[in-house]
Every structure is written in C-alpha cells, then in structure tokens.
Amino acid sequence: MVNDPIADMLTRIRNASMVKQKQVVMPTSKIKVSIAQILQDEGFIEAYSVTEEKPQGRLVLRLKYTPQGRPVITGLERVSKPGRRFYSGAADIPWVRSGLGINILSTPKGLMTGRKARRSKLGGEILCNVW
C-alpha cells in the first residue's frame, strides 16, 4: 500500500523518463488524472488515457521527448508531503526555476498551476513542482 500516491506518480514519471520509456502506467485516481491534465495542458506530456477496469482503473501517460531524445520533464519535486503540508497564499506562491517550470496547487476551485492561481488570487496546498 502506497502512503503518498502523488509522490508515487511523480517517481514513476521520473524513472520512466530517465530510461526513455514511451509511456508509464499507474493506478488511477481523480487527483492523478487532474495532475495528468495539467501536465498535458502545459506541454510536459503528449497525452494521457484512463482505462476503466475492476477493481481499479489504470492511468497511462505518454511521455514527451525533444527531437534530440531528451525528456521534456527534467525534474519533478514533491513539495507538500503527508508529514509536512505546505500551504501558500496567492501572493506568496513561489516561482519554479524563475518561471521556466510550474507548480501544481490544490485550491478551493480544484487543481491548477501556480500561474493560474496567482491570476485568480487563490492560495492553496502546493503539491509539486515540475520543470
């Protein structure tokens, strides 16, 4: 049993991109699908799909690489952990790699990037940083 499914997701993506796999498969959940949607919208992954199986569906992410074969995702970092939550107000959301990366926040209006949360003047729990 995994205590932190988001950290597990990030680790699976990190490991798969280091060995240049085309896709990575993991158990699905609503929050993982939301994170995958944000990664796709921001151009970090090509696509994702969800298969409905019993007892639990699978989330399949198609990873994206540059024409030279380097992974688009160069780093993933879990910020808020189960033992140490990290919350931030809208004005205090940190920049990731001087704006080259994104942070994913859990806000009252759902999951969104740090940039979108700043514009909407929403704070929340900073789940992870991606660059």
N, C-alpha and C. Protein backbone atom coordinates (compact mmCIF):
# COMPACT_ATOMS: atom_id res chain seq x y z
N MET A 1 0.85 -1.19 0.00
CA MET A 1 0.00 0.00 0.00
C MET A 1 0.89 1.25 0.00
N VAL A 2 0.55 2.17 -0.87
CA VAL A 2 1.32 3.40 -1.00
C VAL A 2 0.71 4.47 -0.11
N ASN A 3 1.54 5.10 0.73
CA ASN A 3 1.03 6.15 1.62
C ASN A 3 0.81 7.47 0.89
N ASP A 4 1.64 7.75 -0.11
CA ASP A 4 1.56 9.01 -0.83
C ASP A 4 1.45 8.73 -2.33
N PRO A 5 0.22 8.65 -2.85
CA PRO A 5 0.05 8.29 -4.26
C PRO A 5 0.60 9.35 -5.23
N ILE A 6 0.62 10.62 -4.83
CA ILE A 6 1.16 11.66 -5.72
C ILE A 6 2.67 11.50 -5.85
N ALA A 7 3.35 11.24 -4.74
CA ALA A 7 4.80 11.01 -4.80
C ALA A 7 5.10 9.76 -5.62
N ASP A 8 4.26 8.74 -5.50
CA ASP A 8 4.43 7.53 -6.29
C ASP A 8 4.29 7.84 -7.78
N MET A 9 3.30 8.67 -8.14
CA MET A 9 3.10 9.06 -9.54
C MET A 9 4.33 9.80 -10.07
N LEU A 10 4.82 10.77 -9.30
CA LEU A 10 5.98 11.55 -9.73
C LEU A 10 7.21 10.66 -9.89
N THR A 11 7.40 9.71 -8.98
CA THR A 11 8.54 8.80 -9.05
C THR A 11 8.44 7.91 -10.29
N ARG A 12 7.25 7.43 -10.60
CA ARG A 12 7.06 6.59 -11.80
C ARG A 12 7.39 7.39 -13.06
N ILE A 13 6.95 8.65 -13.12
CA ILE A 13 7.24 9.50 -14.29
C ILE A 13 8.73 9.76 -14.38
N ARG A 14 9.36 10.09 -13.25
CA ARG A 14 10.80 10.38 -13.22
C ARG A 14 11.60 9.16 -13.69
N ASN A 15 11.28 7.97 -13.16
CA ASN A 15 12.01 6.76 -13.53
C ASN A 15 11.81 6.39 -15.00
N ALA A 16 10.57 6.52 -15.49
CA ALA A 16 10.29 6.17 -16.89
C ALA A 16 10.99 7.13 -17.84
N SER A 17 11.06 8.41 -17.50
CA SER A 17 11.71 9.36 -18.41
C SER A 17 13.23 9.19 -18.39
N MET A 18 13.78 8.74 -17.27
CA MET A 18 15.23 8.53 -17.21
C MET A 18 15.67 7.36 -18.10
N VAL A 19 14.81 6.35 -18.25
CA VAL A 19 15.16 5.23 -19.12
C VAL A 19 14.48 5.36 -20.49
N LYS A 20 13.92 6.54 -20.76
CA LYS A 20 13.34 6.89 -22.06
C LYS A 20 12.21 5.97 -22.51
N GLN A 21 11.34 5.61 -21.57
CA GLN A 21 10.16 4.83 -21.95
C GLN A 21 9.14 5.74 -22.62
N LYS A 22 8.35 5.18 -23.52
CA LYS A 22 7.35 5.97 -24.22
C LYS A 22 6.13 6.27 -23.35
N GLN A 23 5.80 5.35 -22.45
CA GLN A 23 4.64 5.56 -21.61
C GLN A 23 4.87 4.97 -20.23
N VAL A 24 4.05 5.44 -19.28
CA VAL A 24 4.12 4.94 -17.91
C VAL A 24 2.69 4.65 -17.45
N VAL A 25 2.51 3.52 -16.76
CA VAL A 25 1.19 3.06 -16.33
C VAL A 25 1.16 3.06 -14.81
N MET A 26 0.02 3.50 -14.25
CA MET A 26 -0.14 3.54 -12.79
C MET A 26 -1.62 3.39 -12.45
N PRO A 27 -1.92 3.04 -11.21
CA PRO A 27 -3.33 3.02 -10.79
C PRO A 27 -3.90 4.44 -10.86
N THR A 28 -5.17 4.56 -11.21
CA THR A 28 -5.77 5.87 -11.40
C THR A 28 -6.48 6.37 -10.14
N SER A 29 -6.60 7.68 -10.06
CA SER A 29 -7.43 8.36 -9.06
C SER A 29 -7.78 9.72 -9.63
N LYS A 30 -8.75 10.37 -9.05
CA LYS A 30 -9.19 11.67 -9.59
C LYS A 30 -8.06 12.70 -9.55
N ILE A 31 -7.28 12.73 -8.48
CA ILE A 31 -6.22 13.73 -8.35
C ILE A 31 -5.09 13.45 -9.35
N LYS A 32 -4.78 12.18 -9.60
CA LYS A 32 -3.74 11.84 -10.59
C LYS A 32 -4.19 12.24 -11.99
N VAL A 33 -5.47 12.05 -12.30
CA VAL A 33 -5.99 12.45 -13.61
C VAL A 33 -5.92 13.96 -13.75
N SER A 34 -6.23 14.69 -12.68
CA SER A 34 -6.14 16.16 -12.72
C SER A 34 -4.70 16.62 -12.94
N ILE A 35 -3.75 15.97 -12.28
CA ILE A 35 -2.34 16.30 -12.46
C ILE A 35 -1.91 16.00 -13.90
N ALA A 36 -2.35 14.85 -14.44
CA ALA A 36 -2.03 14.49 -15.82
C ALA A 36 -2.60 15.51 -16.79
N GLN A 37 -3.81 15.99 -16.53
CA GLN A 37 -4.43 17.01 -17.40
C GLN A 37 -3.60 18.29 -17.40
N ILE A 38 -3.13 18.71 -16.22
CA ILE A 38 -2.30 19.92 -16.13
C ILE A 38 -0.98 19.70 -16.87
N LEU A 39 -0.35 18.54 -16.68
CA LEU A 39 0.91 18.25 -17.37
C LEU A 39 0.72 18.26 -18.89
N GLN A 40 -0.41 17.77 -19.37
CA GLN A 40 -0.69 17.79 -20.81
C GLN A 40 -0.93 19.23 -21.29
N ASP A 41 -1.73 19.99 -20.55
CA ASP A 41 -2.03 21.37 -20.94
C ASP A 41 -0.77 22.23 -20.99
N GLU A 42 0.18 21.95 -20.07
CA GLU A 42 1.41 22.74 -20.02
C GLU A 42 2.49 22.21 -20.95
N GLY A 43 2.23 21.10 -21.66
CA GLY A 43 3.16 20.59 -22.65
C GLY A 43 4.26 19.69 -22.11
N PHE A 44 4.09 19.16 -20.91
CA PHE A 44 5.11 18.27 -20.34
C PHE A 44 4.94 16.81 -20.77
N ILE A 45 3.70 16.42 -21.10
CA ILE A 45 3.47 15.06 -21.60
C ILE A 45 2.65 15.17 -22.90
N GLU A 46 2.73 14.12 -23.74
CA GLU A 46 1.99 14.14 -25.00
C GLU A 46 0.49 13.96 -24.76
N ALA A 47 0.14 12.92 -24.02
CA ALA A 47 -1.27 12.61 -23.80
C ALA A 47 -1.39 11.68 -22.61
N TYR A 48 -2.63 11.51 -22.16
CA TYR A 48 -2.91 10.52 -21.12
C TYR A 48 -4.24 9.87 -21.43
N SER A 49 -4.42 8.67 -20.90
CA SER A 49 -5.70 7.98 -21.06
C SER A 49 -6.00 7.22 -19.78
N VAL A 50 -7.29 7.01 -19.54
CA VAL A 50 -7.74 6.29 -18.36
C VAL A 50 -8.51 5.07 -18.82
N THR A 51 -8.13 3.91 -18.32
CA THR A 51 -8.87 2.68 -18.63
C THR A 51 -9.68 2.30 -17.41
N GLU A 52 -10.94 2.02 -17.64
CA GLU A 52 -11.84 1.63 -16.54
C GLU A 52 -11.80 0.12 -16.38
N GLU A 53 -11.09 -0.33 -15.37
CA GLU A 53 -11.01 -1.75 -15.08
C GLU A 53 -11.45 -1.96 -13.63
N LYS A 54 -11.78 -3.19 -13.30
CA LYS A 54 -12.13 -3.51 -11.91
C LYS A 54 -10.97 -4.26 -11.28
N PRO A 55 -10.61 -4.05 -10.05
CA PRO A 55 -11.23 -3.14 -9.08
C PRO A 55 -10.76 -1.69 -9.23
N GLN A 56 -9.65 -1.45 -9.92
CA GLN A 56 -9.19 -0.08 -10.08
C GLN A 56 -8.68 0.11 -11.50
N GLY A 57 -9.02 1.28 -12.08
CA GLY A 57 -8.59 1.58 -13.44
C GLY A 57 -7.11 1.91 -13.50
N ARG A 58 -6.63 2.11 -14.75
CA ARG A 58 -5.22 2.46 -14.93
C ARG A 58 -5.12 3.79 -15.65
N LEU A 59 -4.12 4.57 -15.26
CA LEU A 59 -3.80 5.83 -15.91
C LEU A 59 -2.54 5.61 -16.72
N VAL A 60 -2.62 5.90 -18.03
CA VAL A 60 -1.48 5.71 -18.92
C VAL A 60 -1.04 7.08 -19.42
N LEU A 61 0.22 7.44 -19.14
CA LEU A 61 0.77 8.71 -19.60
C LEU A 61 1.73 8.45 -20.75
N ARG A 62 1.59 9.18 -21.85
CA ARG A 62 2.56 9.11 -22.94
C ARG A 62 3.55 10.24 -22.75
N LEU A 63 4.80 9.90 -22.49
CA LEU A 63 5.83 10.89 -22.19
C LEU A 63 6.30 11.60 -23.46
N LYS A 64 6.81 12.81 -23.28
CA LYS A 64 7.22 13.64 -24.40
C LYS A 64 8.74 13.83 -24.36
N TYR A 65 9.37 13.77 -25.53
CA TYR A 65 10.81 13.94 -25.64
C TYR A 65 11.13 14.97 -26.71
N THR A 66 12.30 15.62 -26.59
CA THR A 66 12.75 16.58 -27.59
C THR A 66 13.22 15.82 -28.84
N PRO A 67 13.40 16.51 -29.97
CA PRO A 67 13.91 15.81 -31.17
C PRO A 67 15.28 15.16 -30.94
N GLN A 68 16.06 15.69 -29.98
CA GLN A 68 17.35 15.09 -29.66
C GLN A 68 17.22 13.88 -28.75
N GLY A 69 16.00 13.58 -28.28
CA GLY A 69 15.78 12.42 -27.44
C GLY A 69 15.84 12.68 -25.95
N ARG A 70 15.95 13.96 -25.55
CA ARG A 70 15.98 14.28 -24.12
C ARG A 70 14.55 14.44 -23.60
N PRO A 71 14.27 14.01 -22.37
CA PRO A 71 12.92 14.15 -21.83
C PRO A 71 12.55 15.63 -21.64
N VAL A 72 11.29 15.97 -21.92
CA VAL A 72 10.80 17.33 -21.71
C VAL A 72 10.76 17.63 -20.22
N ILE A 73 10.35 16.64 -19.42
CA ILE A 73 10.35 16.81 -17.96
C ILE A 73 11.76 16.54 -17.47
N THR A 74 12.43 17.59 -17.00
CA THR A 74 13.79 17.41 -16.48
C THR A 74 13.80 17.24 -14.96
N GLY A 75 12.73 17.63 -14.31
CA GLY A 75 12.68 17.48 -12.86
C GLY A 75 11.26 17.49 -12.32
N LEU A 76 11.04 16.68 -11.30
CA LEU A 76 9.77 16.63 -10.57
C LEU A 76 10.10 16.63 -9.09
N GLU A 77 9.35 17.41 -8.32
CA GLU A 77 9.66 17.51 -6.90
C GLU A 77 8.35 17.59 -6.12
N ARG A 78 8.19 16.72 -5.15
CA ARG A 78 7.02 16.76 -4.27
C ARG A 78 7.28 17.82 -3.22
N VAL A 79 6.37 18.77 -3.05
CA VAL A 79 6.57 19.87 -2.10
C VAL A 79 5.83 19.56 -0.80
N SER A 80 4.52 19.42 -0.88
CA SER A 80 3.70 19.15 0.30
C SER A 80 3.62 17.65 0.50
N LYS A 81 4.13 17.18 1.62
CA LYS A 81 4.16 15.74 1.90
C LYS A 81 3.14 15.42 2.99
N PRO A 82 2.76 14.14 3.12
CA PRO A 82 1.78 13.80 4.16
C PRO A 82 2.23 14.20 5.56
N GLY A 83 3.52 14.14 5.85
CA GLY A 83 4.01 14.51 7.17
C GLY A 83 4.27 15.99 7.34
N ARG A 84 4.33 16.73 6.25
CA ARG A 84 4.63 18.15 6.31
C ARG A 84 3.91 18.84 5.16
N ARG A 85 2.73 19.35 5.43
CA ARG A 85 1.94 20.04 4.42
C ARG A 85 2.50 21.43 4.17
N PHE A 86 2.40 21.91 2.93
CA PHE A 86 2.93 23.22 2.58
C PHE A 86 1.83 24.02 1.89
N TYR A 87 1.35 25.06 2.58
CA TYR A 87 0.29 25.91 2.05
C TYR A 87 0.86 27.28 1.72
N SER A 88 0.25 27.94 0.73
CA SER A 88 0.73 29.24 0.32
C SER A 88 -0.45 30.12 -0.06
N GLY A 89 -0.36 31.39 0.31
CA GLY A 89 -1.35 32.36 -0.13
C GLY A 89 -1.08 32.75 -1.57
N ALA A 90 -2.04 33.41 -2.21
CA ALA A 90 -1.91 33.76 -3.63
C ALA A 90 -0.69 34.63 -3.88
N ALA A 91 -0.39 35.55 -2.99
CA ALA A 91 0.75 36.46 -3.20
C ALA A 91 2.09 35.79 -2.93
N ASP A 92 2.08 34.66 -2.20
CA ASP A 92 3.34 34.02 -1.79
C ASP A 92 3.67 32.75 -2.57
N ILE A 93 2.95 32.48 -3.66
CA ILE A 93 3.23 31.27 -4.44
C ILE A 93 4.61 31.42 -5.08
N PRO A 94 5.54 30.51 -4.79
CA PRO A 94 6.90 30.67 -5.31
C PRO A 94 6.97 30.36 -6.81
N TRP A 95 7.94 30.96 -7.48
CA TRP A 95 8.21 30.68 -8.89
C TRP A 95 9.10 29.44 -8.96
N VAL A 96 8.91 28.63 -9.98
CA VAL A 96 9.71 27.42 -10.18
C VAL A 96 10.71 27.72 -11.29
N ARG A 97 12.00 27.62 -10.97
CA ARG A 97 13.07 27.86 -11.94
C ARG A 97 12.87 29.18 -12.68
N SER A 98 12.59 30.24 -11.94
CA SER A 98 12.40 31.60 -12.48
C SER A 98 11.33 31.64 -13.57
N GLY A 99 10.27 30.85 -13.41
CA GLY A 99 9.17 30.86 -14.36
C GLY A 99 9.27 29.81 -15.45
N LEU A 100 10.37 29.04 -15.51
CA LEU A 100 10.51 28.02 -16.55
C LEU A 100 9.74 26.75 -16.21
N GLY A 101 9.45 26.55 -14.94
CA GLY A 101 8.69 25.38 -14.51
C GLY A 101 7.34 25.80 -13.97
N ILE A 102 6.58 24.82 -13.50
CA ILE A 102 5.27 25.10 -12.92
C ILE A 102 5.18 24.45 -11.55
N ASN A 103 4.31 25.01 -10.72
CA ASN A 103 3.93 24.29 -9.51
C ASN A 103 2.44 23.97 -9.65
N ILE A 104 2.04 22.85 -9.09
CA ILE A 104 0.65 22.42 -9.14
C ILE A 104 0.07 22.58 -7.74
N LEU A 105 -1.01 23.34 -7.66
CA LEU A 105 -1.65 23.64 -6.39
C LEU A 105 -3.02 23.01 -6.30
N SER A 106 -3.39 22.64 -5.09
CA SER A 106 -4.74 22.21 -4.80
C SER A 106 -5.44 23.40 -4.15
N THR A 107 -6.38 24.01 -4.88
CA THR A 107 -7.06 25.22 -4.40
C THR A 107 -8.53 24.89 -4.16
N PRO A 108 -9.29 25.81 -3.57
CA PRO A 108 -10.72 25.57 -3.41
C PRO A 108 -11.46 25.38 -4.73
N LYS A 109 -10.89 25.85 -5.83
CA LYS A 109 -11.50 25.71 -7.16
C LYS A 109 -10.92 24.52 -7.94
N GLY A 110 -10.20 23.63 -7.26
CA GLY A 110 -9.62 22.46 -7.90
C GLY A 110 -8.13 22.62 -8.13
N LEU A 111 -7.53 21.64 -8.81
CA LEU A 111 -6.09 21.69 -9.09
C LEU A 111 -5.81 22.68 -10.21
N MET A 112 -4.74 23.45 -10.06
CA MET A 112 -4.33 24.40 -11.10
C MET A 112 -2.86 24.73 -10.93
N THR A 113 -2.30 25.36 -11.96
CA THR A 113 -0.90 25.77 -11.90
C THR A 113 -0.76 26.99 -11.00
N GLY A 114 0.47 27.25 -10.56
CA GLY A 114 0.73 28.41 -9.72
C GLY A 114 0.41 29.71 -10.43
N ARG A 115 0.70 29.77 -11.73
CA ARG A 115 0.43 30.98 -12.51
C ARG A 115 -1.07 31.29 -12.55
N LYS A 116 -1.87 30.26 -12.80
CA LYS A 116 -3.32 30.43 -12.85
C LYS A 116 -3.88 30.80 -11.47
N ALA A 117 -3.31 30.21 -10.42
CA ALA A 117 -3.77 30.50 -9.06
C ALA A 117 -3.44 31.96 -8.69
N ARG A 118 -2.26 32.44 -9.11
CA ARG A 118 -1.90 33.83 -8.85
C ARG A 118 -2.88 34.78 -9.53
N ARG A 119 -3.21 34.48 -10.80
CA ARG A 119 -4.16 35.32 -11.55
C ARG A 119 -5.55 35.31 -10.92
N SER A 120 -5.96 34.15 -10.42
CA SER A 120 -7.29 34.01 -9.81
C SER A 120 -7.29 34.47 -8.36
N LYS A 121 -6.12 34.88 -7.85
CA LYS A 121 -5.97 35.29 -6.45
C LYS A 121 -6.42 34.20 -5.49
N LEU A 122 -5.95 32.97 -5.78
CA LEU A 122 -6.27 31.81 -4.94
C LEU A 122 -4.99 31.22 -4.36
N GLY A 123 -5.02 30.88 -3.11
CA GLY A 123 -3.92 30.17 -2.48
C GLY A 123 -4.31 28.71 -2.34
N GLY A 124 -3.42 27.92 -1.76
CA GLY A 124 -3.75 26.52 -1.54
C GLY A 124 -2.53 25.72 -1.18
N GLU A 125 -2.68 24.41 -1.26
CA GLU A 125 -1.59 23.49 -0.93
C GLU A 125 -0.74 23.26 -2.18
N ILE A 126 0.56 23.53 -2.08
CA ILE A 126 1.46 23.30 -3.22
C ILE A 126 1.83 21.82 -3.23
N LEU A 127 1.30 21.10 -4.22
CA LEU A 127 1.51 19.64 -4.29
C LEU A 127 2.90 19.31 -4.82
N CYS A 128 3.29 19.91 -5.96
CA CYS A 128 4.57 19.55 -6.57
C CYS A 128 5.05 20.63 -7.51
N ASN A 129 6.33 20.55 -7.85
CA ASN A 129 6.96 21.42 -8.84
C ASN A 129 7.40 20.55 -10.01
N VAL A 130 7.25 21.08 -11.23
CA VAL A 130 7.66 20.37 -12.44
C VAL A 130 8.45 21.33 -13.30
N TRP A 131 9.59 20.89 -13.81
CA TRP A 131 10.36 21.72 -14.73
C TRP A 131 11.06 20.86 -15.76
